[in-house]
Amino acid sequence: MTNRAVLFRTVMDNIVVNAIQACESRNIDEGLFVIELLPSSHYETRYGKLELFDTITAKDVFMVCRDNAGGLPKTLESQFFDFGFTHDKEGGTGIGTAEIRDCVQAKLDGQVALENHEGQGLAIHLRFSQDLTRSHGGAS
């Protein structure tokens, strides 16, 4: 596995573990976790009104990871990707979401954004350039 694949796996592990822990801490018996992979044209149609990213180009690909674990209070949204932030979870270290941000932005040349619906759930939006995998020798 390449270094980039390991980093991407780390990102996905953190996203999934956070969703599971959030469902468990809120006693949600029928937790829902959905991953969408979208080219820029579909993403813009579906999520463009959220204005989570400054610009969207034709070469962008998106992954949206959504859960139904209740979301966050609006007052905590800005802290979600901060190191040490944890909310409503037993055993949370506050490292996972910061690691997601750091891996995506600093190491995978992508962007990450939060879509929060308090009382319903949240979604983590990941944005990558299609050229990214080609310029680094593939995603093997």
N, C-alpha and C. Protein backbone atom coordinates (compact mmCIF):
# COMPACT_ATOMS: atom_id res chain seq x y z
N MET A 1 0.84 -1.17 0.00
CA MET A 1 0.00 0.00 0.00
C MET A 1 0.90 1.24 0.00
N THR A 2 0.58 2.21 -0.86
CA THR A 2 1.38 3.43 -0.91
C THR A 2 1.10 4.32 0.29
N ASN A 3 1.98 5.28 0.52
CA ASN A 3 1.81 6.22 1.61
C ASN A 3 0.48 6.98 1.47
N ARG A 4 0.13 7.36 0.25
CA ARG A 4 -1.12 8.08 0.01
C ARG A 4 -2.33 7.20 0.34
N ALA A 5 -2.25 5.90 0.03
CA ALA A 5 -3.34 4.99 0.35
C ALA A 5 -3.49 4.84 1.86
N VAL A 6 -2.37 4.78 2.56
CA VAL A 6 -2.40 4.69 4.02
C VAL A 6 -3.03 5.95 4.61
N LEU A 7 -2.67 7.11 4.10
CA LEU A 7 -3.26 8.36 4.59
C LEU A 7 -4.76 8.40 4.33
N PHE A 8 -5.17 7.97 3.14
CA PHE A 8 -6.59 7.98 2.83
C PHE A 8 -7.34 6.99 3.73
N ARG A 9 -6.74 5.86 3.99
CA ARG A 9 -7.37 4.89 4.89
C ARG A 9 -7.50 5.48 6.30
N THR A 10 -6.49 6.20 6.74
CA THR A 10 -6.55 6.86 8.05
C THR A 10 -7.72 7.83 8.11
N VAL A 11 -7.90 8.61 7.05
CA VAL A 11 -9.02 9.55 6.98
C VAL A 11 -10.34 8.80 7.10
N MET A 12 -10.50 7.75 6.29
CA MET A 12 -11.77 7.02 6.30
C MET A 12 -12.00 6.30 7.62
N ASP A 13 -10.95 5.73 8.21
CA ASP A 13 -11.09 5.08 9.52
C ASP A 13 -11.61 6.07 10.55
N ASN A 14 -11.04 7.27 10.57
CA ASN A 14 -11.47 8.29 11.54
C ASN A 14 -12.91 8.72 11.31
N ILE A 15 -13.30 8.89 10.06
CA ILE A 15 -14.68 9.29 9.77
C ILE A 15 -15.66 8.21 10.24
N VAL A 16 -15.38 6.96 9.91
CA VAL A 16 -16.28 5.86 10.28
C VAL A 16 -16.33 5.67 11.79
N VAL A 17 -15.18 5.67 12.45
CA VAL A 17 -15.15 5.50 13.91
C VAL A 17 -15.92 6.62 14.60
N ASN A 18 -15.75 7.86 14.14
CA ASN A 18 -16.50 8.97 14.75
C ASN A 18 -18.00 8.79 14.60
N ALA A 19 -18.45 8.33 13.43
CA ALA A 19 -19.88 8.11 13.22
C ALA A 19 -20.40 7.00 14.14
N ILE A 20 -19.65 5.92 14.25
CA ILE A 20 -20.06 4.81 15.12
C ILE A 20 -20.12 5.27 16.58
N GLN A 21 -19.09 5.96 17.04
CA GLN A 21 -19.07 6.43 18.43
C GLN A 21 -20.21 7.41 18.70
N ALA A 22 -20.51 8.27 17.75
CA ALA A 22 -21.61 9.22 17.93
C ALA A 22 -22.94 8.50 18.05
N CYS A 23 -23.16 7.49 17.22
CA CYS A 23 -24.40 6.71 17.31
C CYS A 23 -24.49 5.97 18.64
N GLU A 24 -23.39 5.36 19.07
CA GLU A 24 -23.38 4.62 20.33
C GLU A 24 -23.63 5.53 21.52
N SER A 25 -22.99 6.70 21.54
CA SER A 25 -23.13 7.60 22.69
C SER A 25 -24.53 8.19 22.79
N ARG A 26 -25.24 8.21 21.68
CA ARG A 26 -26.62 8.74 21.67
C ARG A 26 -27.67 7.63 21.62
N ASN A 27 -27.21 6.39 21.80
CA ASN A 27 -28.10 5.23 21.79
C ASN A 27 -28.97 5.15 20.55
N ILE A 28 -28.38 5.40 19.40
CA ILE A 28 -29.09 5.29 18.13
C ILE A 28 -28.95 3.85 17.65
N ASP A 29 -30.06 3.13 17.69
CA ASP A 29 -30.03 1.70 17.33
C ASP A 29 -29.87 1.47 15.83
N GLU A 30 -30.44 2.34 15.04
CA GLU A 30 -30.39 2.17 13.58
C GLU A 30 -29.58 3.30 12.96
N GLY A 31 -28.28 3.28 13.27
CA GLY A 31 -27.40 4.29 12.72
C GLY A 31 -27.27 4.15 11.22
N LEU A 32 -27.17 5.27 10.55
CA LEU A 32 -27.04 5.29 9.10
C LEU A 32 -25.74 6.00 8.75
N PHE A 33 -24.96 5.40 7.86
CA PHE A 33 -23.73 5.99 7.39
C PHE A 33 -23.69 5.80 5.88
N VAL A 34 -23.62 6.89 5.14
CA VAL A 34 -23.67 6.84 3.68
C VAL A 34 -22.43 7.54 3.13
N ILE A 35 -21.82 6.93 2.12
CA ILE A 35 -20.69 7.55 1.41
C ILE A 35 -21.12 7.77 -0.03
N GLU A 36 -21.00 9.00 -0.48
CA GLU A 36 -21.28 9.34 -1.87
C GLU A 36 -19.98 9.75 -2.56
N LEU A 37 -19.74 9.25 -3.75
CA LEU A 37 -18.63 9.68 -4.58
C LEU A 37 -19.22 10.40 -5.78
N LEU A 38 -18.81 11.65 -5.97
CA LEU A 38 -19.44 12.48 -6.99
C LEU A 38 -18.43 13.25 -7.83
N PRO A 39 -18.64 13.29 -9.16
CA PRO A 39 -17.85 14.21 -9.97
C PRO A 39 -18.35 15.63 -9.70
N SER A 40 -17.58 16.62 -10.10
CA SER A 40 -17.91 18.01 -9.77
C SER A 40 -19.30 18.42 -10.27
N SER A 41 -19.71 17.97 -11.46
CA SER A 41 -21.01 18.39 -12.00
C SER A 41 -22.16 17.90 -11.11
N HIS A 42 -22.08 16.69 -10.63
CA HIS A 42 -23.12 16.17 -9.75
C HIS A 42 -23.06 16.80 -8.36
N TYR A 43 -21.85 17.03 -7.89
CA TYR A 43 -21.68 17.65 -6.58
C TYR A 43 -22.28 19.05 -6.57
N GLU A 44 -21.96 19.81 -7.59
CA GLU A 44 -22.44 21.19 -7.65
C GLU A 44 -23.96 21.24 -7.71
N THR A 45 -24.57 20.33 -8.46
CA THR A 45 -26.03 20.27 -8.54
C THR A 45 -26.64 19.92 -7.19
N ARG A 46 -26.04 18.97 -6.51
CA ARG A 46 -26.60 18.46 -5.26
C ARG A 46 -26.26 19.33 -4.05
N TYR A 47 -25.02 19.83 -3.97
CA TYR A 47 -24.56 20.51 -2.77
C TYR A 47 -24.06 21.93 -2.99
N GLY A 48 -24.08 22.43 -4.21
CA GLY A 48 -23.52 23.74 -4.52
C GLY A 48 -24.09 24.88 -3.69
N LYS A 49 -25.35 24.78 -3.33
CA LYS A 49 -25.99 25.85 -2.55
C LYS A 49 -25.41 25.98 -1.14
N LEU A 50 -24.74 24.93 -0.67
CA LEU A 50 -24.13 24.99 0.66
C LEU A 50 -22.91 25.90 0.69
N GLU A 51 -22.28 26.11 -0.46
CA GLU A 51 -21.10 26.96 -0.57
C GLU A 51 -20.01 26.57 0.43
N LEU A 52 -19.72 25.29 0.50
CA LEU A 52 -18.69 24.80 1.42
C LEU A 52 -17.28 25.04 0.89
N PHE A 53 -17.13 25.13 -0.44
CA PHE A 53 -15.82 25.34 -1.06
C PHE A 53 -15.88 26.60 -1.92
N ASP A 54 -14.78 27.35 -1.96
CA ASP A 54 -14.75 28.61 -2.70
C ASP A 54 -15.01 28.41 -4.19
N THR A 55 -14.35 27.45 -4.78
CA THR A 55 -14.52 27.19 -6.21
C THR A 55 -14.61 25.69 -6.43
N ILE A 56 -15.30 25.32 -7.50
CA ILE A 56 -15.40 23.93 -7.91
C ILE A 56 -15.02 23.88 -9.37
N THR A 57 -14.05 23.01 -9.70
CA THR A 57 -13.62 22.89 -11.09
C THR A 57 -14.08 21.55 -11.66
N ALA A 58 -14.04 21.43 -12.97
CA ALA A 58 -14.44 20.20 -13.64
C ALA A 58 -13.54 19.02 -13.27
N LYS A 59 -12.33 19.31 -12.79
CA LYS A 59 -11.39 18.25 -12.44
C LYS A 59 -11.49 17.80 -10.98
N ASP A 60 -12.46 18.31 -10.25
CA ASP A 60 -12.63 17.93 -8.86
C ASP A 60 -13.49 16.68 -8.72
N VAL A 61 -13.18 15.88 -7.71
CA VAL A 61 -14.03 14.76 -7.31
C VAL A 61 -14.33 14.93 -5.82
N PHE A 62 -15.48 14.47 -5.43
CA PHE A 62 -15.94 14.69 -4.06
C PHE A 62 -16.38 13.40 -3.41
N MET A 63 -16.17 13.34 -2.11
CA MET A 63 -16.69 12.26 -1.30
C MET A 63 -17.45 12.91 -0.16
N VAL A 64 -18.68 12.50 0.03
CA VAL A 64 -19.50 13.01 1.12
C VAL A 64 -19.84 11.83 2.03
N CYS A 65 -19.46 11.94 3.30
CA CYS A 65 -19.70 10.89 4.29
C CYS A 65 -20.72 11.43 5.30
N ARG A 66 -21.91 10.85 5.29
CA ARG A 66 -23.05 11.39 6.05
C ARG A 66 -23.54 10.37 7.09
N ASP A 67 -23.91 10.87 8.28
CA ASP A 67 -24.49 10.00 9.30
C ASP A 67 -25.78 10.62 9.85
N ASN A 68 -26.49 9.84 10.65
CA ASN A 68 -27.72 10.32 11.29
C ASN A 68 -27.58 10.33 12.81
N ALA A 69 -26.39 10.68 13.28
CA ALA A 69 -26.07 10.60 14.71
C ALA A 69 -26.38 11.87 15.49
N GLY A 70 -27.21 12.74 14.96
CA GLY A 70 -27.66 13.90 15.72
C GLY A 70 -26.94 15.20 15.48
N GLY A 71 -25.81 15.17 14.81
CA GLY A 71 -25.09 16.41 14.53
C GLY A 71 -24.53 17.06 15.77
N LEU A 72 -24.16 18.32 15.63
CA LEU A 72 -23.57 19.11 16.70
C LEU A 72 -24.41 20.35 16.99
N PRO A 73 -24.33 20.88 18.20
CA PRO A 73 -24.89 22.20 18.42
C PRO A 73 -24.19 23.21 17.50
N LYS A 74 -24.92 24.13 16.94
CA LYS A 74 -24.35 25.11 16.00
C LYS A 74 -23.15 25.84 16.60
N THR A 75 -23.16 26.06 17.89
CA THR A 75 -22.08 26.80 18.54
C THR A 75 -20.75 26.05 18.52
N LEU A 76 -20.76 24.75 18.21
CA LEU A 76 -19.54 23.96 18.21
C LEU A 76 -18.99 23.67 16.82
N GLU A 77 -19.71 24.05 15.78
CA GLU A 77 -19.31 23.73 14.40
C GLU A 77 -17.89 24.17 14.08
N SER A 78 -17.54 25.39 14.48
CA SER A 78 -16.21 25.94 14.11
C SER A 78 -15.06 25.19 14.78
N GLN A 79 -15.35 24.41 15.82
CA GLN A 79 -14.30 23.67 16.54
C GLN A 79 -14.13 22.23 16.05
N PHE A 80 -15.00 21.76 15.16
CA PHE A 80 -15.07 20.35 14.80
C PHE A 80 -13.73 19.75 14.37
N PHE A 81 -12.95 20.48 13.57
CA PHE A 81 -11.68 19.95 13.09
C PHE A 81 -10.49 20.39 13.94
N ASP A 82 -10.74 20.99 15.09
CA ASP A 82 -9.66 21.44 15.98
C ASP A 82 -9.09 20.25 16.76
N PHE A 83 -7.78 20.27 16.96
CA PHE A 83 -7.12 19.24 17.77
C PHE A 83 -7.68 19.32 19.19
N GLY A 84 -8.06 18.17 19.73
CA GLY A 84 -8.59 18.11 21.09
C GLY A 84 -10.10 18.23 21.19
N PHE A 85 -10.79 18.51 20.08
CA PHE A 85 -12.24 18.66 20.13
C PHE A 85 -12.91 17.29 20.20
N THR A 86 -13.77 17.12 21.17
CA THR A 86 -14.62 15.94 21.27
C THR A 86 -15.95 16.38 21.85
N HIS A 87 -17.00 15.69 21.46
CA HIS A 87 -18.33 16.09 21.93
C HIS A 87 -19.21 14.86 22.11
N ASP A 88 -19.75 14.74 23.29
CA ASP A 88 -20.81 13.75 23.53
C ASP A 88 -20.39 12.30 23.29
N LYS A 89 -19.09 12.00 23.43
CA LYS A 89 -18.65 10.62 23.19
C LYS A 89 -17.78 10.16 24.34
N GLU A 90 -18.05 8.94 24.80
CA GLU A 90 -17.16 8.34 25.79
C GLU A 90 -15.91 7.85 25.09
N GLY A 91 -14.77 8.15 25.64
CA GLY A 91 -13.52 7.66 25.08
C GLY A 91 -12.99 8.46 23.91
N GLY A 92 -13.65 9.54 23.55
CA GLY A 92 -13.15 10.37 22.45
C GLY A 92 -11.86 11.08 22.85
N THR A 93 -10.88 11.08 21.96
CA THR A 93 -9.59 11.71 22.27
C THR A 93 -9.49 13.12 21.71
N GLY A 94 -10.32 13.44 20.71
CA GLY A 94 -10.21 14.74 20.08
C GLY A 94 -9.12 14.81 19.04
N ILE A 95 -8.60 13.66 18.65
CA ILE A 95 -7.54 13.62 17.65
C ILE A 95 -8.08 13.33 16.26
N GLY A 96 -9.13 12.53 16.17
CA GLY A 96 -9.63 12.02 14.89
C GLY A 96 -9.99 13.07 13.86
N THR A 97 -10.79 14.06 14.23
CA THR A 97 -11.21 15.04 13.22
C THR A 97 -10.06 15.97 12.82
N ALA A 98 -9.16 16.26 13.75
CA ALA A 98 -7.98 17.06 13.39
C ALA A 98 -7.09 16.27 12.44
N GLU A 99 -6.99 14.97 12.66
CA GLU A 99 -6.19 14.12 11.77
C GLU A 99 -6.82 14.05 10.38
N ILE A 100 -8.15 14.02 10.31
CA ILE A 100 -8.83 14.06 9.02
C ILE A 100 -8.43 15.33 8.27
N ARG A 101 -8.56 16.46 8.93
CA ARG A 101 -8.23 17.74 8.31
C ARG A 101 -6.77 17.78 7.86
N ASP A 102 -5.86 17.38 8.75
CA ASP A 102 -4.44 17.44 8.43
C ASP A 102 -4.07 16.51 7.27
N CYS A 103 -4.58 15.30 7.29
CA CYS A 103 -4.27 14.35 6.21
C CYS A 103 -4.81 14.86 4.87
N VAL A 104 -6.05 15.30 4.86
CA VAL A 104 -6.67 15.74 3.60
C VAL A 104 -5.99 16.99 3.07
N GLN A 105 -5.82 18.00 3.91
CA GLN A 105 -5.32 19.29 3.43
C GLN A 105 -3.82 19.33 3.26
N ALA A 106 -3.08 18.84 4.23
CA ALA A 106 -1.63 18.98 4.18
C ALA A 106 -0.93 17.85 3.43
N LYS A 107 -1.51 16.67 3.45
CA LYS A 107 -0.80 15.52 2.88
C LYS A 107 -1.41 14.99 1.60
N LEU A 108 -2.71 15.20 1.40
CA LEU A 108 -3.38 14.68 0.20
C LEU A 108 -3.80 15.81 -0.74
N ASP A 109 -3.41 17.04 -0.43
CA ASP A 109 -3.71 18.21 -1.27
C ASP A 109 -5.19 18.37 -1.58
N GLY A 110 -6.03 18.05 -0.61
CA GLY A 110 -7.48 18.18 -0.79
C GLY A 110 -8.04 19.24 0.14
N GLN A 111 -9.34 19.24 0.23
CA GLN A 111 -10.04 20.15 1.14
C GLN A 111 -11.10 19.36 1.88
N VAL A 112 -11.45 19.82 3.07
CA VAL A 112 -12.47 19.17 3.88
C VAL A 112 -13.40 20.24 4.44
N ALA A 113 -14.68 19.90 4.53
CA ALA A 113 -15.67 20.83 5.07
C ALA A 113 -16.73 20.05 5.83
N LEU A 114 -17.37 20.72 6.76
CA LEU A 114 -18.41 20.13 7.59
C LEU A 114 -19.77 20.67 7.18
N GLU A 115 -20.72 19.78 7.04
CA GLU A 115 -22.14 20.15 6.88
C GLU A 115 -22.84 19.59 8.11
N ASN A 116 -23.43 20.44 8.92
CA ASN A 116 -24.02 20.03 10.19
C ASN A 116 -25.50 20.35 10.21
N HIS A 117 -26.29 19.37 10.65
CA HIS A 117 -27.72 19.58 10.85
C HIS A 117 -28.03 19.15 12.29
N GLU A 118 -28.03 20.14 13.16
CA GLU A 118 -28.23 19.88 14.59
C GLU A 118 -29.51 19.08 14.81
N GLY A 119 -29.39 18.02 15.60
CA GLY A 119 -30.53 17.16 15.89
C GLY A 119 -30.76 16.07 14.86
N GLN A 120 -30.05 16.13 13.73
CA GLN A 120 -30.23 15.13 12.68
C GLN A 120 -28.95 14.35 12.41
N GLY A 121 -27.91 15.04 11.98
CA GLY A 121 -26.66 14.37 11.65
C GLY A 121 -25.71 15.34 10.99
N LEU A 122 -24.58 14.81 10.59
CA LEU A 122 -23.61 15.67 9.91
C LEU A 122 -23.00 14.94 8.73
N ALA A 123 -22.33 15.71 7.90
CA ALA A 123 -21.64 15.15 6.75
C ALA A 123 -20.27 15.81 6.65
N ILE A 124 -19.29 14.99 6.33
CA ILE A 124 -17.95 15.50 6.06
C ILE A 124 -17.76 15.45 4.55
N HIS A 125 -17.46 16.59 3.97
CA HIS A 125 -17.27 16.71 2.53
C HIS A 125 -15.77 16.76 2.25
N LEU A 126 -15.30 15.89 1.38
CA LEU A 126 -13.90 15.85 0.97
C LEU A 126 -13.81 16.20 -0.50
N ARG A 127 -12.86 17.03 -0.84
CA ARG A 127 -12.67 17.47 -2.23
C ARG A 127 -11.23 17.18 -2.65
N PHE A 128 -11.09 16.51 -3.81
CA PHE A 128 -9.78 16.19 -4.37
C PHE A 128 -9.79 16.51 -5.85
N SER A 129 -8.62 16.79 -6.40
CA SER A 129 -8.48 16.99 -7.84
C SER A 129 -8.28 15.64 -8.51
N GLN A 130 -8.94 15.41 -9.64
CA GLN A 130 -8.74 14.18 -10.40
C GLN A 130 -7.29 14.03 -10.82
N ASP A 131 -6.61 15.13 -11.06
CA ASP A 131 -5.21 15.11 -11.46
C ASP A 131 -4.30 14.62 -10.34
N LEU A 132 -4.76 14.69 -9.13
CA LEU A 132 -3.94 14.36 -7.97
C LEU A 132 -3.40 12.93 -8.04
N THR A 133 -4.24 11.95 -8.35
CA THR A 133 -3.76 10.57 -8.38
C THR A 133 -2.80 10.34 -9.53
N ARG A 134 -3.06 10.97 -10.66
CA ARG A 134 -2.17 10.79 -11.82
C ARG A 134 -0.80 11.40 -11.55
N SER A 135 -0.76 12.57 -10.91
CA SER A 135 0.51 13.25 -10.70
C SER A 135 1.38 12.57 -9.65
N HIS A 136 0.78 11.68 -8.87
CA HIS A 136 1.55 10.99 -7.84
C HIS A 136 1.70 9.50 -8.14
N GLY A 137 1.56 9.14 -9.41
CA GLY A 137 1.83 7.76 -9.78
C GLY A 137 0.69 6.80 -9.55
N GLY A 138 -0.52 7.30 -9.39
CA GLY A 138 -1.67 6.41 -9.24
C GLY A 138 -2.03 6.21 -7.79
N ALA A 139 -3.17 5.60 -7.59
CA ALA A 139 -3.71 5.41 -6.23
C ALA A 139 -3.55 3.97 -5.77
N SER A 140 -2.53 3.28 -6.22
CA SER A 140 -2.36 1.87 -5.85
C SER A 140 -2.06 1.70 -4.38
